[in-house]
Amino acid sequence: MGYLRMSDLEGKEVINMVDGARLGVIGEADMVVDCHTGEIQSIILPRRNNFFSLWMDRQHIIIPWQSIKKIGNEVVIVELDGTVPNLTRYPG
């Protein structure tokens, strides 16, 4: 994939190609980086807020870097079909 700066990803919306779901925006995300190699291991996206999220635990989605299929000018396309072993949700 070559070199990529965080600023190159910032503001891009993440779309799941399996179901077309809008998962969030990279600017609101955290990243897990291997401190020895500097490689991105995963992106942690907060779930979109809605009216009901005020009373519920806020959930996050962990997207393994290898699930990213395409980085475009405006969106990041990922493939998450529930069989991805590292796709988990945890309370924020």
PDB file of N, CA and C in Angstrom:
ATOM      1  N   MET A   1       0.829  -1.196   0.000  1.00  0.00           N
ATOM      2  CA  MET A   1       0.000   0.000   0.000  1.00  0.00           C
ATOM      3  C   MET A   1       0.867   1.250   0.000  1.00  0.00           C
ATOM      4  N   GLY A   2       2.146   1.155   0.314  1.00  0.00           N
ATOM      5  CA  GLY A   2       3.023   2.310   0.309  1.00  0.00           C
ATOM      6  C   GLY A   2       2.927   3.103   1.591  1.00  0.00           C
ATOM      7  N   TYR A   3       3.428   4.327   1.525  1.00  0.00           N
ATOM      8  CA  TYR A   3       3.402   5.198   2.702  1.00  0.00           C
ATOM      9  C   TYR A   3       2.074   5.916   2.795  1.00  0.00           C
ATOM     10  N   LEU A   4       1.624   6.078   4.024  1.00  0.00           N
ATOM     11  CA  LEU A   4       0.344   6.704   4.280  1.00  0.00           C
ATOM     12  C   LEU A   4       0.454   7.493   5.570  1.00  0.00           C
ATOM     13  N   ARG A   5       0.025   8.729   5.544  1.00  0.00           N
ATOM     14  CA  ARG A   5       0.004   9.551   6.755  1.00  0.00           C
ATOM     15  C   ARG A   5      -1.392   9.500   7.368  1.00  0.00           C
ATOM     16  N   MET A   6      -1.434   9.711   8.660  1.00  0.00           N
ATOM     17  CA  MET A   6      -2.727   9.756   9.347  1.00  0.00           C
ATOM     18  C   MET A   6      -3.606  10.834   8.731  1.00  0.00           C
ATOM     19  N   SER A   7      -3.012  11.942   8.344  1.00  0.00           N
ATOM     20  CA  SER A   7      -3.792  13.021   7.746  1.00  0.00           C
ATOM     21  C   SER A   7      -4.411  12.606   6.410  1.00  0.00           C
ATOM     22  N   ASP A   8      -3.815  11.596   5.733  1.00  0.00           N
ATOM     23  CA  ASP A   8      -4.397  11.079   4.487  1.00  0.00           C
ATOM     24  C   ASP A   8      -5.689  10.326   4.743  1.00  0.00           C
ATOM     25  N   LEU A   9      -5.844   9.752   5.931  1.00  0.00           N
ATOM     26  CA  LEU A   9      -7.044   8.994   6.281  1.00  0.00           C
ATOM     27  C   LEU A   9      -8.108   9.843   6.965  1.00  0.00           C
ATOM     28  N   GLU A  10      -7.683  10.903   7.604  1.00  0.00           N
ATOM     29  CA  GLU A  10      -8.585  11.717   8.414  1.00  0.00           C
ATOM     30  C   GLU A  10      -9.757  12.246   7.590  1.00  0.00           C
ATOM     31  N   GLY A  11     -10.944  12.085   8.141  1.00  0.00           N
ATOM     32  CA  GLY A  11     -12.159  12.581   7.512  1.00  0.00           C
ATOM     33  C   GLY A  11     -12.803  11.614   6.537  1.00  0.00           C
ATOM     34  N   LYS A  12     -12.162  10.502   6.258  1.00  0.00           N
ATOM     35  CA  LYS A  12     -12.740   9.525   5.328  1.00  0.00           C
ATOM     36  C   LYS A  12     -13.755   8.654   6.066  1.00  0.00           C
ATOM     37  N   GLU A  13     -14.863   8.409   5.404  1.00  0.00           N
ATOM     38  CA  GLU A  13     -15.897   7.560   5.978  1.00  0.00           C
ATOM     39  C   GLU A  13     -15.574   6.103   5.687  1.00  0.00           C
ATOM     40  N   VAL A  14     -15.840   5.225   6.656  1.00  0.00           N
ATOM     41  CA  VAL A  14     -15.572   3.802   6.515  1.00  0.00           C
ATOM     42  C   VAL A  14     -16.878   3.104   6.137  1.00  0.00           C
ATOM     43  N   ILE A  15     -16.845   2.379   5.013  1.00  0.00           N
ATOM     44  CA  ILE A  15     -18.014   1.681   4.491  1.00  0.00           C
ATOM     45  C   ILE A  15     -17.712   0.188   4.429  1.00  0.00           C
ATOM     46  N   ASN A  16     -18.647  -0.627   4.918  1.00  0.00           N
ATOM     47  CA  ASN A  16     -18.505  -2.079   4.846  1.00  0.00           C
ATOM     48  C   ASN A  16     -19.066  -2.561   3.517  1.00  0.00           C
ATOM     49  N   MET A  17     -18.216  -3.197   2.697  1.00  0.00           N
ATOM     50  CA  MET A  17     -18.654  -3.640   1.380  1.00  0.00           C
ATOM     51  C   MET A  17     -19.615  -4.831   1.443  1.00  0.00           C
ATOM     52  N   VAL A  18     -19.680  -5.524   2.569  1.00  0.00           N
ATOM     53  CA  VAL A  18     -20.556  -6.691   2.703  1.00  0.00           C
ATOM     54  C   VAL A  18     -22.022  -6.277   2.761  1.00  0.00           C
ATOM     55  N   ASP A  19     -22.319  -5.252   3.574  1.00  0.00           N
ATOM     56  CA  ASP A  19     -23.717  -4.852   3.738  1.00  0.00           C
ATOM     57  C   ASP A  19     -23.974  -3.379   3.443  1.00  0.00           C
ATOM     58  N   GLY A  20     -22.931  -2.646   3.029  1.00  0.00           N
ATOM     59  CA  GLY A  20     -23.102  -1.231   2.696  1.00  0.00           C
ATOM     60  C   GLY A  20     -23.232  -0.318   3.901  1.00  0.00           C
ATOM     61  N   ALA A  21     -22.999  -0.839   5.095  1.00  0.00           N
ATOM     62  CA  ALA A  21     -23.164  -0.048   6.317  1.00  0.00           C
ATOM     63  C   ALA A  21     -22.090   1.028   6.416  1.00  0.00           C
ATOM     64  N   ARG A  22     -22.508   2.187   6.884  1.00  0.00           N
ATOM     65  CA  ARG A  22     -21.579   3.274   7.193  1.00  0.00           C
ATOM     66  C   ARG A  22     -21.133   3.069   8.636  1.00  0.00           C
ATOM     67  N   LEU A  23     -19.840   2.786   8.831  1.00  0.00           N
ATOM     68  CA  LEU A  23     -19.348   2.420  10.151  1.00  0.00           C
ATOM     69  C   LEU A  23     -18.835   3.593  10.969  1.00  0.00           C
ATOM     70  N   GLY A  24     -18.447   4.666  10.332  1.00  0.00           N
ATOM     71  CA  GLY A  24     -17.922   5.814  11.059  1.00  0.00           C
ATOM     72  C   GLY A  24     -16.926   6.589  10.223  1.00  0.00           C
ATOM     73  N   VAL A  25     -16.260   7.537  10.862  1.00  0.00           N
ATOM     74  CA  VAL A  25     -15.311   8.417  10.196  1.00  0.00           C
ATOM     75  C   VAL A  25     -13.948   8.245  10.849  1.00  0.00           C
ATOM     76  N   ILE A  26     -12.904   8.162  10.041  1.00  0.00           N
ATOM     77  CA  ILE A  26     -11.553   7.929  10.558  1.00  0.00           C
ATOM     78  C   ILE A  26     -11.117   9.029  11.517  1.00  0.00           C
ATOM     79  N   GLY A  27     -11.516  10.249  11.323  1.00  0.00           N
ATOM     80  CA  GLY A  27     -11.121  11.339  12.212  1.00  0.00           C
ATOM     81  C   GLY A  27     -11.546  11.135  13.650  1.00  0.00           C
ATOM     82  N   GLU A  28     -12.584  10.323  13.854  1.00  0.00           N
ATOM     83  CA  GLU A  28     -13.088  10.036  15.191  1.00  0.00           C
ATOM     84  C   GLU A  28     -12.504   8.736  15.728  1.00  0.00           C
ATOM     85  N   ALA A  29     -11.605   8.114  14.980  1.00  0.00           N
ATOM     86  CA  ALA A  29     -11.114   6.775  15.305  1.00  0.00           C
ATOM     87  C   ALA A  29      -9.791   6.808  16.060  1.00  0.00           C
ATOM     88  N   ASP A  30      -9.502   5.684  16.710  1.00  0.00           N
ATOM     89  CA  ASP A  30      -8.194   5.427  17.285  1.00  0.00           C
ATOM     90  C   ASP A  30      -7.541   4.344  16.446  1.00  0.00           C
ATOM     91  N   MET A  31      -6.231   4.253  16.531  1.00  0.00           N
ATOM     92  CA  MET A  31      -5.510   3.210  15.808  1.00  0.00           C
ATOM     93  C   MET A  31      -4.624   2.443  16.766  1.00  0.00           C
ATOM     94  N   VAL A  32      -4.491   1.149  16.514  1.00  0.00           N
ATOM     95  CA  VAL A  32      -3.562   0.313  17.252  1.00  0.00           C
ATOM     96  C   VAL A  32      -2.344   0.133  16.348  1.00  0.00           C
ATOM     97  N   VAL A  33      -1.186   0.554  16.853  1.00  0.00           N
ATOM     98  CA  VAL A  33       0.046   0.532  16.058  1.00  0.00           C
ATOM     99  C   VAL A  33       1.067  -0.352  16.763  1.00  0.00           C
ATOM    100  N   ASP A  34       1.738  -1.211  15.997  1.00  0.00           N
ATOM    101  CA  ASP A  34       2.826  -2.028  16.536  1.00  0.00           C
ATOM    102  C   ASP A  34       3.991  -1.098  16.842  1.00  0.00           C
ATOM    103  N   CYS A  35       4.367  -0.984  18.112  1.00  0.00           N
ATOM    104  CA  CYS A  35       5.397  -0.022  18.504  1.00  0.00           C
ATOM    105  C   CYS A  35       6.787  -0.421  18.016  1.00  0.00           C
ATOM    106  N   HIS A  36       6.994  -1.659  17.609  1.00  0.00           N
ATOM    107  CA  HIS A  36       8.291  -2.090  17.102  1.00  0.00           C
ATOM    108  C   HIS A  36       8.450  -1.831  15.603  1.00  0.00           C
ATOM    109  N   THR A  37       7.368  -2.044  14.845  1.00  0.00           N
ATOM    110  CA  THR A  37       7.454  -1.895  13.390  1.00  0.00           C
ATOM    111  C   THR A  37       6.813  -0.603  12.884  1.00  0.00           C
ATOM    112  N   GLY A  38       5.926  -0.019  13.679  1.00  0.00           N
ATOM    113  CA  GLY A  38       5.216   1.176  13.249  1.00  0.00           C
ATOM    114  C   GLY A  38       4.035   0.882  12.341  1.00  0.00           C
ATOM    115  N   GLU A  39       3.723  -0.392  12.135  1.00  0.00           N
ATOM    116  CA  GLU A  39       2.621  -0.772  11.267  1.00  0.00           C
ATOM    117  C   GLU A  39       1.286  -0.667  12.006  1.00  0.00           C
ATOM    118  N   ILE A  40       0.279  -0.238  11.271  1.00  0.00           N
ATOM    119  CA  ILE A  40      -1.069  -0.165  11.832  1.00  0.00           C
ATOM    120  C   ILE A  40      -1.623  -1.578  11.900  1.00  0.00           C
ATOM    121  N   GLN A  41      -2.113  -1.976  13.084  1.00  0.00           N
ATOM    122  CA  GLN A  41      -2.706  -3.297  13.253  1.00  0.00           C
ATOM    123  C   GLN A  41      -4.224  -3.260  13.108  1.00  0.00           C
ATOM    124  N   SER A  42      -4.841  -2.199  13.611  1.00  0.00           N
ATOM    125  CA  SER A  42      -6.284  -2.091  13.514  1.00  0.00           C
ATOM    126  C   SER A  42      -6.720  -0.649  13.724  1.00  0.00           C
ATOM    127  N   ILE A  43      -7.945  -0.385  13.311  1.00  0.00           N
ATOM    128  CA  ILE A  43      -8.592   0.906  13.521  1.00  0.00           C
ATOM    129  C   ILE A  43      -9.765   0.656  14.459  1.00  0.00           C
ATOM    130  N   ILE A  44      -9.922   1.511  15.459  1.00  0.00           N
ATOM    131  CA  ILE A  44     -11.028   1.390  16.403  1.00  0.00           C
ATOM    132  C   ILE A  44     -11.979   2.555  16.150  1.00  0.00           C
ATOM    133  N   LEU A  45     -13.162   2.216  15.653  1.00  0.00           N
ATOM    134  CA  LEU A  45     -14.170   3.229  15.338  1.00  0.00           C
ATOM    135  C   LEU A  45     -15.229   3.282  16.424  1.00  0.00           C
ATOM    136  N   PRO A  46     -15.576   4.476  16.887  1.00  0.00           N
ATOM    137  CA  PRO A  46     -16.729   4.576  17.788  1.00  0.00           C
ATOM    138  C   PRO A  46     -18.008   4.357  16.994  1.00  0.00           C
ATOM    139  N   ARG A  47     -18.992   3.744  17.609  1.00  0.00           N
ATOM    140  CA  ARG A  47     -20.294   3.565  16.954  1.00  0.00           C
ATOM    141  C   ARG A  47     -20.933   4.931  16.784  1.00  0.00           C
ATOM    142  N   ARG A  48     -21.721   5.051  15.751  1.00  0.00           N
ATOM    143  CA  ARG A  48     -22.413   6.314  15.509  1.00  0.00           C
ATOM    144  C   ARG A  48     -23.372   6.615  16.663  1.00  0.00           C
ATOM    145  N   ASN A  49     -23.420   7.868  17.053  1.00  0.00           N
ATOM    146  CA  ASN A  49     -24.340   8.283  18.115  1.00  0.00           C
ATOM    147  C   ASN A  49     -25.747   8.431  17.562  1.00  0.00           C
ATOM    148  N   ASN A  50     -26.709   8.087  18.382  1.00  0.00           N
ATOM    149  CA  ASN A  50     -28.097   8.373  18.057  1.00  0.00           C
ATOM    150  C   ASN A  50     -28.825   8.695  19.352  1.00  0.00           C
ATOM    151  N   PHE A  51     -30.092   8.912  19.272  1.00  0.00           N
ATOM    152  CA  PHE A  51     -30.872   9.309  20.440  1.00  0.00           C
ATOM    153  C   PHE A  51     -30.781   8.276  21.560  1.00  0.00           C
ATOM    154  N   PHE A  52     -30.824   6.985  21.224  1.00  0.00           N
ATOM    155  CA  PHE A  52     -30.835   5.933  22.227  1.00  0.00           C
ATOM    156  C   PHE A  52     -29.466   5.701  22.852  1.00  0.00           C
ATOM    157  N   SER A  53     -28.386   6.167  22.215  1.00  0.00           N
ATOM    158  CA  SER A  53     -27.045   5.918  22.760  1.00  0.00           C
ATOM    159  C   SER A  53     -26.804   6.698  24.045  1.00  0.00           C
ATOM    160  N   LEU A  54     -27.680   7.648  24.376  1.00  0.00           N
ATOM    161  CA  LEU A  54     -27.528   8.383  25.619  1.00  0.00           C
ATOM    162  C   LEU A  54     -27.730   7.479  26.826  1.00  0.00           C
ATOM    163  N   TRP A  55     -28.557   6.426  26.669  1.00  0.00           N
ATOM    164  CA  TRP A  55     -28.861   5.527  27.776  1.00  0.00           C
ATOM    165  C   TRP A  55     -28.172   4.168  27.663  1.00  0.00           C
ATOM    166  N   MET A  56     -27.498   3.919  26.568  1.00  0.00           N
ATOM    167  CA  MET A  56     -26.859   2.623  26.356  1.00  0.00           C
ATOM    168  C   MET A  56     -25.350   2.778  26.409  1.00  0.00           C
ATOM    169  N   ASP A  57     -24.644   1.673  26.696  1.00  0.00           N
ATOM    170  CA  ASP A  57     -23.187   1.691  26.630  1.00  0.00           C
ATOM    171  C   ASP A  57     -22.760   1.973  25.200  1.00  0.00           C
ATOM    172  N   ARG A  58     -21.800   2.860  25.079  1.00  0.00           N
ATOM    173  CA  ARG A  58     -21.277   3.167  23.759  1.00  0.00           C
ATOM    174  C   ARG A  58     -20.372   2.022  23.305  1.00  0.00           C
ATOM    175  N   GLN A  59     -20.564   1.560  22.098  1.00  0.00           N
ATOM    176  CA  GLN A  59     -19.803   0.439  21.564  1.00  0.00           C
ATOM    177  C   GLN A  59     -18.792   0.948  20.537  1.00  0.00           C
ATOM    178  N   HIS A  60     -17.729   0.179  20.364  1.00  0.00           N
ATOM    179  CA  HIS A  60     -16.720   0.474  19.368  1.00  0.00           C
ATOM    180  C   HIS A  60     -16.565  -0.735  18.460  1.00  0.00           C
ATOM    181  N   ILE A  61     -16.068  -0.519  17.258  1.00  0.00           N
ATOM    182  CA  ILE A  61     -15.797  -1.601  16.332  1.00  0.00           C
ATOM    183  C   ILE A  61     -14.302  -1.618  16.061  1.00  0.00           C
ATOM    184  N   ILE A  62     -13.682  -2.793  16.216  1.00  0.00           N
ATOM    185  CA  ILE A  62     -12.270  -2.948  15.887  1.00  0.00           C
ATOM    186  C   ILE A  62     -12.185  -3.507  14.477  1.00  0.00           C
ATOM    187  N   ILE A  63     -11.532  -2.766  13.590  1.00  0.00           N
ATOM    188  CA  ILE A  63     -11.373  -3.187  12.205  1.00  0.00           C
ATOM    189  C   ILE A  63      -9.917  -3.574  11.981  1.00  0.00           C
ATOM    190  N   PRO A  64      -9.646  -4.866  11.771  1.00  0.00           N
ATOM    191  CA  PRO A  64      -8.270  -5.281  11.487  1.00  0.00           C
ATOM    192  C   PRO A  64      -7.778  -4.622  10.199  1.00  0.00           C
ATOM    193  N   TRP A  65      -6.527  -4.211  10.183  1.00  0.00           N
ATOM    194  CA  TRP A  65      -5.972  -3.522   9.014  1.00  0.00           C
ATOM    195  C   TRP A  65      -6.107  -4.370   7.758  1.00  0.00           C
ATOM    196  N   GLN A  66      -5.973  -5.698   7.879  1.00  0.00           N
ATOM    197  CA  GLN A  66      -6.060  -6.561   6.705  1.00  0.00           C
ATOM    198  C   GLN A  66      -7.475  -6.622   6.130  1.00  0.00           C
ATOM    199  N   SER A  67      -8.476  -6.105   6.846  1.00  0.00           N
ATOM    200  CA  SER A  67      -9.847  -6.057   6.338  1.00  0.00           C
ATOM    201  C   SER A  67     -10.092  -4.842   5.454  1.00  0.00           C
ATOM    202  N   ILE A  68      -9.138  -3.911   5.415  1.00  0.00           N
ATOM    203  CA  ILE A  68      -9.272  -2.740   4.553  1.00  0.00           C
ATOM    204  C   ILE A  68      -8.962  -3.150   3.127  1.00  0.00           C
ATOM    205  N   LYS A  69      -9.919  -2.929   2.230  1.00  0.00           N
ATOM    206  CA  LYS A  69      -9.775  -3.363   0.843  1.00  0.00           C
ATOM    207  C   LYS A  69      -9.379  -2.237  -0.099  1.00  0.00           C
ATOM    208  N   LYS A  70      -9.834  -1.013   0.171  1.00  0.00           N
ATOM    209  CA  LYS A  70      -9.535   0.106  -0.725  1.00  0.00           C
ATOM    210  C   LYS A  70      -9.627   1.409   0.050  1.00  0.00           C
ATOM    211  N   ILE A  71      -8.653   2.273  -0.163  1.00  0.00           N
ATOM    212  CA  ILE A  71      -8.679   3.623   0.406  1.00  0.00           C
ATOM    213  C   ILE A  71      -8.848   4.587  -0.755  1.00  0.00           C
ATOM    214  N   GLY A  72     -10.009   5.230  -0.809  1.00  0.00           N
ATOM    215  CA  GLY A  72     -10.308   6.158  -1.885  1.00  0.00           C
ATOM    216  C   GLY A  72     -10.138   7.598  -1.437  1.00  0.00           C
ATOM    217  N   ASN A  73     -10.561   8.523  -2.293  1.00  0.00           N
ATOM    218  CA  ASN A  73     -10.449   9.943  -1.984  1.00  0.00           C
ATOM    219  C   ASN A  73     -11.363  10.366  -0.845  1.00  0.00           C
ATOM    220  N   GLU A  74     -12.529   9.713  -0.731  1.00  0.00           N
ATOM    221  CA  GLU A  74     -13.507  10.118   0.270  1.00  0.00           C
ATOM    222  C   GLU A  74     -13.902   9.011   1.234  1.00  0.00           C
ATOM    223  N   VAL A  75     -13.685   7.750   0.856  1.00  0.00           N
ATOM    224  CA  VAL A  75     -14.116   6.634   1.700  1.00  0.00           C
ATOM    225  C   VAL A  75     -13.022   5.577   1.822  1.00  0.00           C
ATOM    226  N   VAL A  76     -13.165   4.764   2.870  1.00  0.00           N
ATOM    227  CA  VAL A  76     -12.338   3.580   3.073  1.00  0.00           C
ATOM    228  C   VAL A  76     -13.293   2.398   3.018  1.00  0.00           C
ATOM    229  N   ILE A  77     -13.027   1.467   2.108  1.00  0.00           N
ATOM    230  CA  ILE A  77     -13.878   0.294   1.948  1.00  0.00           C
ATOM    231  C   ILE A  77     -13.265  -0.855   2.742  1.00  0.00           C
ATOM    232  N   VAL A  78     -14.080  -1.458   3.611  1.00  0.00           N
ATOM    233  CA  VAL A  78     -13.619  -2.593   4.410  1.00  0.00           C
ATOM    234  C   VAL A  78     -14.525  -3.788   4.137  1.00  0.00           C
ATOM    235  N   GLU A  79     -14.014  -4.986   4.438  1.00  0.00           N
ATOM    236  CA  GLU A  79     -14.803  -6.198   4.283  1.00  0.00           C
ATOM    237  C   GLU A  79     -14.930  -6.867   5.646  1.00  0.00           C
ATOM    238  N   LEU A  80     -16.084  -6.692   6.262  1.00  0.00           N
ATOM    239  CA  LEU A  80     -16.375  -7.260   7.578  1.00  0.00           C
ATOM    240  C   LEU A  80     -17.677  -8.034   7.484  1.00  0.00           C
ATOM    241  N   ASP A  81     -17.587  -9.356   7.524  1.00  0.00           N
ATOM    242  CA  ASP A  81     -18.790 -10.164   7.362  1.00  0.00           C
ATOM    243  C   ASP A  81     -19.147 -10.978   8.598  1.00  0.00           C
ATOM    244  N   GLY A  82     -18.521 -10.681   9.731  1.00  0.00           N
ATOM    245  CA  GLY A  82     -18.814 -11.411  10.953  1.00  0.00           C
ATOM    246  C   GLY A  82     -17.921 -12.618  11.143  1.00  0.00           C
ATOM    247  N   THR A  83     -17.238 -13.049  10.088  1.00  0.00           N
ATOM    248  CA  THR A  83     -16.322 -14.179  10.226  1.00  0.00           C
ATOM    249  C   THR A  83     -14.892 -13.711  10.455  1.00  0.00           C
ATOM    250  N   VAL A  84     -14.682 -12.399  10.419  1.00  0.00           N
ATOM    251  CA  VAL A  84     -13.352 -11.859  10.686  1.00  0.00           C
ATOM    252  C   VAL A  84     -13.037 -12.113  12.151  1.00  0.00           C
ATOM    253  N   PRO A  85     -11.958 -12.858  12.445  1.00  0.00           N
ATOM    254  CA  PRO A  85     -11.703 -13.248  13.840  1.00  0.00           C
ATOM    255  C   PRO A  85     -11.488 -12.080  14.791  1.00  0.00           C
ATOM    256  N   ASN A  86     -10.932 -10.977  14.317  1.00  0.00           N
ATOM    257  CA  ASN A  86     -10.640  -9.847  15.206  1.00  0.00           C
ATOM    258  C   ASN A  86     -11.748  -8.802  15.231  1.00  0.00           C
ATOM    259  N   LEU A  87     -12.865  -9.057  14.549  1.00  0.00           N
ATOM    260  CA  LEU A  87     -13.985  -8.111  14.580  1.00  0.00           C
ATOM    261  C   LEU A  87     -14.722  -8.318  15.893  1.00  0.00           C
ATOM    262  N   THR A  88     -14.570  -7.351  16.784  1.00  0.00           N
ATOM    263  CA  THR A  88     -15.222  -7.457  18.089  1.00  0.00           C
ATOM    264  C   THR A  88     -15.833  -6.118  18.444  1.00  0.00           C
ATOM    265  N   ARG A  89     -16.759  -6.167  19.337  1.00  0.00           N
ATOM    266  CA  ARG A  89     -17.335  -4.946  19.890  1.00  0.00           C
ATOM    267  C   ARG A  89     -17.065  -4.966  21.371  1.00  0.00           C
ATOM    268  N   TYR A  90     -16.697  -3.820  21.907  1.00  0.00           N
ATOM    269  CA  TYR A  90     -16.457  -3.743  23.346  1.00  0.00           C
ATOM    270  C   TYR A  90     -16.964  -2.411  23.847  1.00  0.00           C
ATOM    271  N   PRO A  91     -17.364  -2.335  25.111  1.00  0.00           N
ATOM    272  CA  PRO A  91     -17.870  -1.081  25.662  1.00  0.00           C
ATOM    273  C   PRO A  91     -16.760  -0.040  25.748  1.00  0.00           C
ATOM    274  N   GLY A  92     -17.107   1.202  25.445  1.00  0.00           N
ATOM    275  CA  GLY A  92     -16.134   2.283  25.480  1.00  0.00           C
ATOM    276  C   GLY A  92     -16.031   2.917  26.827  1.00  0.00           C
TER     277      GLY A  92
END
